Amino acid sequence: MHPAIFLDRDGVIIENCDRYVRYWDDVHFFPQALAALARVRHTPYKVIMVTNQSAVGRGILPLDTVISLNEQIIEVIRQHDGRVDAAYICPDAPGQETGCRKPLPGMLLQAAQEHHLVLDQSIMIGDALTDVQAGRAAGVRLAAMVLTGRGRTQAAQPEAADLAPIPLYDDLQAALAALIL
């Protein structure tokens, strides 16, 4: 049994793309995220990427393209001495919810079952209120937001007050330094 670091992809590890990350040329890593993932490489935490990809459900992008992009992202993380142990994708568009689309906890619960994770010792880090909601719904110890990606805008939303307190960090490196390292 292991604790986990659940990470959203877009806005946390790579930059958000207004028209969805469709091609490899759309992938732009946050340099501090690559450094942070290298620093947690030898911790007992499993590193699990959980990402909503509504472009699939909207018919904009095939699922195999998203899987391929995730594999390439993970390979770059490994080339920078980082580690991602698994990646989960929810292809649902809003309104198609099958239980995996954040804020629902489906991806986290599936990962916990498949990787023997201890959720109450795990953390969720994202750049959206839905990431915080998914983490809390799954029963993680702490759900935090980074101010990269949509984080700053999301933290300023009136709905954020309903979820307070939400730990906020400048970026993934700052979050992991405070929470894990």
C-alpha atoms as a PDB file:
ATOM      1  CA  MET A   1       0.000   0.000   0.000  1.00  0.00           C
ATOM      2  CA  HIS A   2       1.377   3.376  -1.068  1.00  0.00           C
ATOM      3  CA  PRO A   3       0.307   6.980  -0.811  1.00  0.00           C
ATOM      4  CA  ALA A   4      -0.063   8.838  -4.104  1.00  0.00           C
ATOM      5  CA  ILE A   5       0.528  12.223  -5.600  1.00  0.00           C
ATOM      6  CA  PHE A   6      -2.354  12.744  -8.022  1.00  0.00           C
ATOM      7  CA  LEU A   7      -1.569  15.413 -10.598  1.00  0.00           C
ATOM      8  CA  ASP A   8      -3.695  17.130 -13.176  1.00  0.00           C
ATOM      9  CA  ARG A   9      -1.871  17.401 -16.507  1.00  0.00           C
ATOM     10  CA  ASP A  10      -2.814  20.657 -18.270  1.00  0.00           C
ATOM     11  CA  GLY A  11      -1.959  23.701 -16.196  1.00  0.00           C
ATOM     12  CA  VAL A  12       0.159  21.725 -13.729  1.00  0.00           C
ATOM     13  CA  ILE A  13       2.746  19.756 -15.743  1.00  0.00           C
ATOM     14  CA  ILE A  14       2.198  21.340 -19.147  1.00  0.00           C
ATOM     15  CA  GLU A  15       0.664  24.642 -20.166  1.00  0.00           C
ATOM     16  CA  ASN A  16      -3.036  24.820 -20.968  1.00  0.00           C
ATOM     17  CA  CYS A  17      -3.908  25.250 -24.621  1.00  0.00           C
ATOM     18  CA  ASP A  18      -7.019  27.275 -25.501  1.00  0.00           C
ATOM     19  CA  ARG A  19      -7.962  24.943 -28.338  1.00  0.00           C
ATOM     20  CA  TYR A  20      -6.969  21.745 -26.518  1.00  0.00           C
ATOM     21  CA  VAL A  21      -3.645  19.942 -26.665  1.00  0.00           C
ATOM     22  CA  ARG A  22      -4.102  18.225 -30.023  1.00  0.00           C
ATOM     23  CA  TYR A  23      -0.556  17.836 -31.333  1.00  0.00           C
ATOM     24  CA  TRP A  24       2.899  17.405 -29.866  1.00  0.00           C
ATOM     25  CA  ASP A  25       3.657  20.997 -30.915  1.00  0.00           C
ATOM     26  CA  ASP A  26       0.932  22.101 -28.458  1.00  0.00           C
ATOM     27  CA  VAL A  27       2.836  20.572 -25.511  1.00  0.00           C
ATOM     28  CA  HIS A  28       4.871  23.091 -23.521  1.00  0.00           C
ATOM     29  CA  PHE A  29       6.259  21.895 -20.200  1.00  0.00           C
ATOM     30  CA  PHE A  30       6.555  24.060 -17.141  1.00  0.00           C
ATOM     31  CA  PRO A  31      10.318  23.714 -16.496  1.00  0.00           C
ATOM     32  CA  GLN A  32       9.767  23.776 -12.736  1.00  0.00           C
ATOM     33  CA  ALA A  33       7.312  20.876 -13.088  1.00  0.00           C
ATOM     34  CA  LEU A  34       9.963  18.700 -14.709  1.00  0.00           C
ATOM     35  CA  ALA A  35      12.390  19.572 -11.901  1.00  0.00           C
ATOM     36  CA  ALA A  36       9.731  18.865  -9.262  1.00  0.00           C
ATOM     37  CA  LEU A  37       8.909  15.462 -10.726  1.00  0.00           C
ATOM     38  CA  ALA A  38      12.606  14.579 -10.656  1.00  0.00           C
ATOM     39  CA  ARG A  39      12.762  15.525  -6.966  1.00  0.00           C
ATOM     40  CA  VAL A  40       9.927  13.138  -5.997  1.00  0.00           C
ATOM     41  CA  ARG A  41      11.350  10.252  -7.995  1.00  0.00           C
ATOM     42  CA  HIS A  42      12.660   8.423  -4.936  1.00  0.00           C
ATOM     43  CA  THR A  43       9.780   9.095  -2.545  1.00  0.00           C
ATOM     44  CA  PRO A  44       7.385   6.333  -1.506  1.00  0.00           C
ATOM     45  CA  TYR A  45       4.554   8.150  -3.287  1.00  0.00           C
ATOM     46  CA  LYS A  46       3.141   6.790  -6.523  1.00  0.00           C
ATOM     47  CA  VAL A  47       2.846   9.594  -9.072  1.00  0.00           C
ATOM     48  CA  ILE A  48      -0.469   9.377 -10.896  1.00  0.00           C
ATOM     49  CA  MET A  49      -1.580  11.763 -13.636  1.00  0.00           C
ATOM     50  CA  VAL A  50      -5.369  12.243 -13.859  1.00  0.00           C
ATOM     51  CA  THR A  51      -6.683  14.342 -16.728  1.00  0.00           C
ATOM     52  CA  ASN A  52     -10.074  15.285 -18.112  1.00  0.00           C
ATOM     53  CA  GLN A  53      -9.911  15.292 -21.902  1.00  0.00           C
ATOM     54  CA  SER A  54     -13.320  16.469 -23.080  1.00  0.00           C
ATOM     55  CA  ALA A  55     -11.962  16.991 -26.614  1.00  0.00           C
ATOM     56  CA  VAL A  56     -12.415  13.233 -27.030  1.00  0.00           C
ATOM     57  CA  GLY A  57     -16.067  13.278 -25.953  1.00  0.00           C
ATOM     58  CA  ARG A  58     -16.697  16.357 -28.093  1.00  0.00           C
ATOM     59  CA  GLY A  59     -15.368  14.507 -31.179  1.00  0.00           C
ATOM     60  CA  ILE A  60     -12.418  16.887 -31.604  1.00  0.00           C
ATOM     61  CA  LEU A  61      -9.665  14.404 -30.805  1.00  0.00           C
ATOM     62  CA  PRO A  62      -9.448  10.594 -30.919  1.00  0.00           C
ATOM     63  CA  LEU A  63      -8.685   8.832 -27.634  1.00  0.00           C
ATOM     64  CA  ASP A  64      -5.615   7.117 -29.122  1.00  0.00           C
ATOM     65  CA  THR A  65      -4.106  10.553 -29.845  1.00  0.00           C
ATOM     66  CA  VAL A  66      -4.563  11.608 -26.210  1.00  0.00           C
ATOM     67  CA  ILE A  67      -3.021   8.322 -25.044  1.00  0.00           C
ATOM     68  CA  SER A  68      -0.074   8.848 -27.393  1.00  0.00           C
ATOM     69  CA  LEU A  69       0.434  12.439 -26.186  1.00  0.00           C
ATOM     70  CA  ASN A  70       0.365  11.249 -22.560  1.00  0.00           C
ATOM     71  CA  GLU A  71       2.953   8.581 -23.351  1.00  0.00           C
ATOM     72  CA  GLN A  72       5.210  11.198 -24.952  1.00  0.00           C
ATOM     73  CA  ILE A  73       4.745  13.542 -21.972  1.00  0.00           C
ATOM     74  CA  ILE A  74       5.678  10.756 -19.567  1.00  0.00           C
ATOM     75  CA  GLU A  75       8.722   9.894 -21.677  1.00  0.00           C
ATOM     76  CA  VAL A  76       9.965  13.503 -21.494  1.00  0.00           C
ATOM     77  CA  ILE A  77       9.424  13.458 -17.717  1.00  0.00           C
ATOM     78  CA  ARG A  78      11.519  10.268 -17.526  1.00  0.00           C
ATOM     79  CA  GLN A  79      14.231  11.842 -19.685  1.00  0.00           C
ATOM     80  CA  HIS A  80      14.413  14.600 -17.064  1.00  0.00           C
ATOM     81  CA  ASP A  81      14.822  11.980 -14.286  1.00  0.00           C
ATOM     82  CA  GLY A  82      11.201  12.260 -13.202  1.00  0.00           C
ATOM     83  CA  ARG A  83       8.582   9.618 -12.732  1.00  0.00           C
ATOM     84  CA  VAL A  84       4.904   9.130 -13.513  1.00  0.00           C
ATOM     85  CA  ASP A  85       3.695   5.689 -12.491  1.00  0.00           C
ATOM     86  CA  ALA A  86       0.350   5.791 -14.305  1.00  0.00           C
ATOM     87  CA  ALA A  87      -1.910   8.094 -16.267  1.00  0.00           C
ATOM     88  CA  TYR A  88      -5.695   8.112 -16.312  1.00  0.00           C
ATOM     89  CA  ILE A  89      -7.787   9.892 -18.911  1.00  0.00           C
ATOM     90  CA  CYS A  90     -11.459  10.743 -18.706  1.00  0.00           C
ATOM     91  CA  PRO A  91     -12.724  11.284 -22.262  1.00  0.00           C
ATOM     92  CA  ASP A  92     -16.181  12.504 -21.211  1.00  0.00           C
ATOM     93  CA  ALA A  93     -17.489  15.848 -22.396  1.00  0.00           C
ATOM     94  CA  PRO A  94     -19.532  17.840 -19.872  1.00  0.00           C
ATOM     95  CA  GLY A  95     -22.942  16.230 -19.576  1.00  0.00           C
ATOM     96  CA  GLN A  96     -21.653  12.769 -20.552  1.00  0.00           C
ATOM     97  CA  GLU A  97     -20.467  11.946 -17.050  1.00  0.00           C
ATOM     98  CA  THR A  98     -19.724   8.276 -16.528  1.00  0.00           C
ATOM     99  CA  GLY A  99     -18.141   8.866 -13.123  1.00  0.00           C
ATOM    100  CA  CYS A 100     -14.590   9.636 -14.191  1.00  0.00           C
ATOM    101  CA  ARG A 101     -14.829  13.324 -15.124  1.00  0.00           C
ATOM    102  CA  LYS A 102     -13.495  15.553 -12.368  1.00  0.00           C
ATOM    103  CA  PRO A 103     -15.012  16.799 -10.035  1.00  0.00           C
ATOM    104  CA  LEU A 104     -16.147  13.185  -9.691  1.00  0.00           C
ATOM    105  CA  PRO A 105     -13.504  10.946  -8.111  1.00  0.00           C
ATOM    106  CA  GLY A 106     -13.639   8.040 -10.584  1.00  0.00           C
ATOM    107  CA  MET A 107     -10.085   8.273 -11.939  1.00  0.00           C
ATOM    108  CA  LEU A 108      -8.603   8.555  -8.440  1.00  0.00           C
ATOM    109  CA  LEU A 109     -10.674   5.636  -7.139  1.00  0.00           C
ATOM    110  CA  GLN A 110      -9.747   3.477 -10.125  1.00  0.00           C
ATOM    111  CA  ALA A 111      -6.056   4.278  -9.639  1.00  0.00           C
ATOM    112  CA  ALA A 112      -6.320   3.521  -5.917  1.00  0.00           C
ATOM    113  CA  GLN A 113      -7.779   0.100  -6.626  1.00  0.00           C
ATOM    114  CA  GLU A 114      -5.355  -0.786  -9.427  1.00  0.00           C
ATOM    115  CA  HIS A 115      -2.206   0.474  -7.662  1.00  0.00           C
ATOM    116  CA  HIS A 116      -3.092  -0.349  -4.036  1.00  0.00           C
ATOM    117  CA  LEU A 117      -3.052   3.283  -2.940  1.00  0.00           C
ATOM    118  CA  VAL A 118      -3.883   4.666   0.486  1.00  0.00           C
ATOM    119  CA  LEU A 119      -6.119   7.617  -0.333  1.00  0.00           C
ATOM    120  CA  ASP A 120      -6.161   9.175   3.138  1.00  0.00           C
ATOM    121  CA  GLN A 121      -2.373   9.521   2.904  1.00  0.00           C
ATOM    122  CA  SER A 122      -2.437  10.850  -0.680  1.00  0.00           C
ATOM    123  CA  ILE A 123      -2.625  14.331  -2.161  1.00  0.00           C
ATOM    124  CA  MET A 124      -4.241  15.850  -5.232  1.00  0.00           C
ATOM    125  CA  ILE A 125      -2.677  18.835  -7.000  1.00  0.00           C
ATOM    126  CA  GLY A 126      -4.471  20.619  -9.807  1.00  0.00           C
ATOM    127  CA  ASP A 127      -5.153  24.032 -11.260  1.00  0.00           C
ATOM    128  CA  ALA A 128      -8.951  23.951 -11.021  1.00  0.00           C
ATOM    129  CA  LEU A 129     -11.648  23.755  -8.393  1.00  0.00           C
ATOM    130  CA  THR A 130     -12.801  20.497  -9.978  1.00  0.00           C
ATOM    131  CA  ASP A 131      -9.403  18.978  -9.110  1.00  0.00           C
ATOM    132  CA  VAL A 132      -9.886  19.962  -5.463  1.00  0.00           C
ATOM    133  CA  GLN A 133     -13.426  18.584  -5.492  1.00  0.00           C
ATOM    134  CA  ALA A 134     -12.308  15.279  -7.030  1.00  0.00           C
ATOM    135  CA  GLY A 135      -9.543  14.876  -4.470  1.00  0.00           C
ATOM    136  CA  ARG A 136     -11.859  15.579  -1.563  1.00  0.00           C
ATOM    137  CA  ALA A 137     -14.557  13.275  -2.966  1.00  0.00           C
ATOM    138  CA  ALA A 138     -11.953  10.493  -3.212  1.00  0.00           C
ATOM    139  CA  GLY A 139     -10.907  11.049   0.402  1.00  0.00           C
ATOM    140  CA  VAL A 140      -7.343  12.241  -0.137  1.00  0.00           C
ATOM    141  CA  ARG A 141      -5.490  13.782   2.802  1.00  0.00           C
ATOM    142  CA  LEU A 142      -5.086  17.108   1.029  1.00  0.00           C
ATOM    143  CA  ALA A 143      -6.281  18.662  -2.222  1.00  0.00           C
ATOM    144  CA  ALA A 144      -4.328  21.739  -3.319  1.00  0.00           C
ATOM    145  CA  MET A 145      -4.197  24.090  -6.272  1.00  0.00           C
ATOM    146  CA  VAL A 146      -1.290  25.617  -8.127  1.00  0.00           C
ATOM    147  CA  LEU A 147      -1.549  29.121  -9.561  1.00  0.00           C
ATOM    148  CA  THR A 148      -0.158  28.070 -12.935  1.00  0.00           C
ATOM    149  CA  GLY A 149      -2.598  27.246 -15.715  1.00  0.00           C
ATOM    150  CA  ARG A 150      -6.105  28.248 -14.638  1.00  0.00           C
ATOM    151  CA  GLY A 151      -5.239  28.237 -10.951  1.00  0.00           C
ATOM    152  CA  ARG A 152      -5.132  31.988 -10.331  1.00  0.00           C
ATOM    153  CA  THR A 153      -8.469  32.518 -12.092  1.00  0.00           C
ATOM    154  CA  GLN A 154     -10.052  29.505 -10.414  1.00  0.00           C
ATOM    155  CA  ALA A 155      -8.894  30.575  -6.938  1.00  0.00           C
ATOM    156  CA  ALA A 156     -10.632  33.931  -7.477  1.00  0.00           C
ATOM    157  CA  GLN A 157     -13.995  32.343  -8.361  1.00  0.00           C
ATOM    158  CA  PRO A 158     -16.808  32.793  -5.807  1.00  0.00           C
ATOM    159  CA  GLU A 159     -17.138  28.986  -5.657  1.00  0.00           C
ATOM    160  CA  ALA A 160     -13.631  28.796  -4.191  1.00  0.00           C
ATOM    161  CA  ALA A 161     -14.959  30.290  -0.944  1.00  0.00           C
ATOM    162  CA  ASP A 162     -17.309  27.313  -0.602  1.00  0.00           C
ATOM    163  CA  LEU A 163     -14.290  24.980  -0.751  1.00  0.00           C
ATOM    164  CA  ALA A 164     -12.067  27.044   1.562  1.00  0.00           C
ATOM    165  CA  PRO A 165      -9.532  26.511   2.779  1.00  0.00           C
ATOM    166  CA  ILE A 166      -7.741  25.462  -0.393  1.00  0.00           C
ATOM    167  CA  PRO A 167      -3.948  25.359  -0.081  1.00  0.00           C
ATOM    168  CA  LEU A 168      -2.530  27.462  -2.929  1.00  0.00           C
ATOM    169  CA  TYR A 169       1.004  27.222  -4.313  1.00  0.00           C
ATOM    170  CA  ASP A 170       2.779  29.188  -7.023  1.00  0.00           C
ATOM    171  CA  ASP A 171       3.556  26.061  -9.042  1.00  0.00           C
ATOM    172  CA  LEU A 172       4.076  22.303  -8.813  1.00  0.00           C
ATOM    173  CA  GLN A 173       7.599  22.668  -7.468  1.00  0.00           C
ATOM    174  CA  ALA A 174       6.410  24.873  -4.595  1.00  0.00           C
ATOM    175  CA  ALA A 175       3.499  22.527  -3.840  1.00  0.00           C
ATOM    176  CA  LEU A 176       5.636  19.397  -3.716  1.00  0.00           C
ATOM    177  CA  ALA A 177       8.341  21.154  -1.688  1.00  0.00           C
ATOM    178  CA  ALA A 178       5.754  22.133   0.924  1.00  0.00           C
ATOM    179  CA  LEU A 179       3.740  18.911   0.938  1.00  0.00           C
ATOM    180  CA  ILE A 180       6.193  16.085   0.268  1.00  0.00           C
ATOM    181  CA  LEU A 181       9.834  17.056   0.339  1.00  0.00           C
END
